[in-house]
Amino acid sequence: METPIIVRGYHTDMYQHVNNARYLEFLEEGRWQALEHHIDLDAFLKNGLLFFVVNINISYRSQARVNDTIIIKTGLKKIGNTSAVIQQQITNSKTGIVCVDADITFVIADWKGKPQKMEGDLKQTIEKLPRFEG
């Protein structure tokens, strides 16, 4: 799954490049796009299930600047017993240089915050997410 974003002035900091915290927002947009395209989120909510990010491991590799078009690649990396990992990468579309790569671990929990086991229908639903292709 790929999500393009054009870097705007409000995405940058006083150094004229994308701030580290903004990259987290870009990654979140990529995850939302993937979820909306491959999973029925309304059905998830009606069943009392929620996505919770529990860990982000991110590496900042290169900068992006105003008017750069970046591509956020998002895909499923692995599914465990009660968590799964989405792998993401942000590249500059013009140069192909990787700006950021990240592994985001998430759980599916009920309204009380209790993580659900990744099995049966739940696992099949998560497996609808495309695998990461970097």
Protein backbone atom coordinates (compact mmCIF):
# COMPACT_ATOMS: atom_id res chain seq x y z
CA MET A 1 0.00 0.00 0.00
CA GLU A 2 1.41 3.40 -0.94
CA THR A 3 0.25 6.81 0.23
CA PRO A 4 1.73 9.92 -1.43
CA ILE A 5 2.00 13.22 0.46
CA ILE A 6 3.39 16.53 -0.76
CA VAL A 7 5.44 18.18 1.98
CA ARG A 8 4.04 21.64 2.78
CA GLY A 9 5.54 24.50 4.77
CA TYR A 10 3.50 23.65 7.85
CA HIS A 11 5.11 20.17 7.88
CA THR A 12 8.57 21.63 8.44
CA ASP A 13 10.42 23.10 11.39
CA MET A 14 12.87 25.98 11.76
CA TYR A 15 15.54 23.89 10.01
CA GLN A 16 13.33 23.80 6.89
CA HIS A 17 12.91 20.04 6.92
CA VAL A 18 10.22 17.69 8.19
CA ASN A 19 10.34 17.45 11.97
CA ASN A 20 10.70 14.02 13.57
CA ALA A 21 7.26 14.24 15.20
CA ARG A 22 5.62 15.05 11.86
CA TYR A 23 6.97 11.81 10.40
CA LEU A 24 4.92 9.97 13.04
CA GLU A 25 1.81 11.72 11.69
CA PHE A 26 2.73 10.77 8.12
CA LEU A 27 3.13 7.14 9.21
CA GLU A 28 -0.25 7.26 10.95
CA GLU A 29 -1.87 8.55 7.76
CA GLY A 30 -0.35 5.63 5.87
CA ARG A 31 -1.74 3.17 8.43
CA TRP A 32 -5.22 4.74 8.28
CA GLN A 33 -5.18 4.49 4.48
CA ALA A 34 -4.22 0.81 4.66
CA LEU A 35 -6.86 0.04 7.28
CA GLU A 36 -9.62 1.92 5.44
CA HIS A 37 -8.82 0.19 2.14
CA HIS A 38 -8.59 -3.36 3.47
CA ILE A 39 -10.62 -3.67 6.69
CA ASP A 40 -14.22 -2.76 7.51
CA LEU A 41 -13.50 -0.39 10.41
CA ASP A 42 -17.20 0.23 11.10
CA ALA A 43 -17.70 -3.49 11.68
CA PHE A 44 -14.67 -3.49 13.98
CA LEU A 45 -16.19 -0.74 16.11
CA LYS A 46 -19.63 -2.37 16.13
CA ASN A 47 -17.96 -5.53 17.48
CA GLY A 48 -16.30 -3.48 20.22
CA LEU A 49 -12.78 -3.84 18.80
CA LEU A 50 -10.15 -1.12 18.61
CA PHE A 51 -6.61 -0.80 17.25
CA PHE A 52 -4.00 0.33 19.78
CA VAL A 53 -0.39 1.15 18.91
CA VAL A 54 1.81 -0.22 21.70
CA ASN A 55 5.31 0.32 20.27
CA ILE A 56 6.97 2.32 17.51
CA ASN A 57 10.53 1.59 16.45
CA ILE A 58 11.57 4.30 13.99
CA SER A 59 14.81 5.16 12.21
CA TYR A 60 15.30 8.60 10.68
CA ARG A 61 17.58 8.25 7.65
CA SER A 62 17.27 11.35 5.46
CA GLN A 63 15.41 14.63 5.41
CA ALA A 64 12.41 15.71 3.37
CA ARG A 65 11.78 19.36 2.50
CA VAL A 66 8.98 21.60 1.26
CA ASN A 67 7.55 20.51 -2.13
CA ASP A 68 9.10 17.04 -1.90
CA THR A 69 6.61 14.30 -2.63
CA ILE A 70 7.05 11.45 -0.20
CA ILE A 71 5.62 7.96 -0.52
CA ILE A 72 4.53 6.11 2.60
CA LYS A 73 4.72 2.35 2.07
CA THR A 74 2.68 0.36 4.56
CA GLY A 75 2.23 -3.37 4.99
CA LEU A 76 1.83 -6.17 7.44
CA LYS A 77 5.10 -7.64 8.67
CA LYS A 78 3.99 -10.33 11.13
CA ILE A 79 1.18 -11.52 13.38
CA GLY A 80 1.85 -12.82 16.87
CA ASN A 81 -0.43 -14.27 19.57
CA THR A 82 -1.88 -10.95 20.78
CA SER A 83 -0.09 -8.36 18.66
CA ALA A 84 0.94 -7.70 15.08
CA VAL A 85 3.56 -5.53 13.39
CA ILE A 86 3.05 -3.14 10.51
CA GLN A 87 6.20 -2.16 8.64
CA GLN A 88 6.38 1.29 7.07
CA GLN A 89 8.85 3.23 4.99
CA ILE A 90 8.84 6.82 3.76
CA THR A 91 10.80 7.55 0.61
CA ASN A 92 11.37 10.66 -1.45
CA SER A 93 9.58 9.93 -4.74
CA LYS A 94 12.03 11.98 -6.81
CA THR A 95 15.29 10.58 -5.43
CA GLY A 96 14.14 7.20 -4.10
CA ILE A 97 16.07 7.90 -0.90
CA VAL A 98 14.58 6.42 2.26
CA CYS A 99 13.72 9.14 4.78
CA VAL A 100 12.26 6.93 7.52
CA ASP A 101 11.58 3.30 8.23
CA ALA A 102 9.54 2.01 11.13
CA ASP A 103 7.96 -1.04 12.72
CA ILE A 104 4.70 -0.35 14.50
CA THR A 105 3.41 -2.98 16.92
CA PHE A 106 -0.31 -2.92 17.63
CA VAL A 107 -2.92 -4.90 19.49
CA ILE A 108 -6.62 -5.29 18.94
CA ALA A 109 -8.44 -4.69 22.21
CA ASP A 110 -11.99 -4.47 23.42
CA TRP A 111 -13.54 -1.29 24.86
CA LYS A 112 -12.04 -2.14 28.28
CA GLY A 113 -8.55 -2.30 26.75
CA LYS A 114 -8.16 -6.08 26.98
CA PRO A 115 -5.97 -7.35 24.11
CA GLN A 116 -7.62 -10.00 21.95
CA LYS A 117 -5.90 -13.15 20.72
CA MET A 118 -4.96 -13.02 17.06
CA GLU A 119 -6.86 -16.12 16.01
CA GLY A 120 -9.88 -17.16 13.98
CA ASP A 121 -11.90 -14.39 12.32
CA LEU A 122 -9.76 -11.67 13.89
CA LYS A 123 -6.56 -13.09 12.45
CA GLN A 124 -8.22 -13.53 9.04
CA THR A 125 -9.30 -9.89 9.12
CA ILE A 126 -5.79 -8.66 9.97
CA GLU A 127 -4.36 -10.86 7.21
CA LYS A 128 -6.39 -8.77 4.70
CA LEU A 129 -3.74 -6.06 5.12
CA PRO A 130 -1.20 -6.27 2.30
CA ARG A 131 2.27 -7.58 3.16
CA PHE A 132 5.05 -5.00 3.22
CA GLU A 133 6.89 -4.69 -0.06
CA GLY A 134 9.97 -2.53 0.37
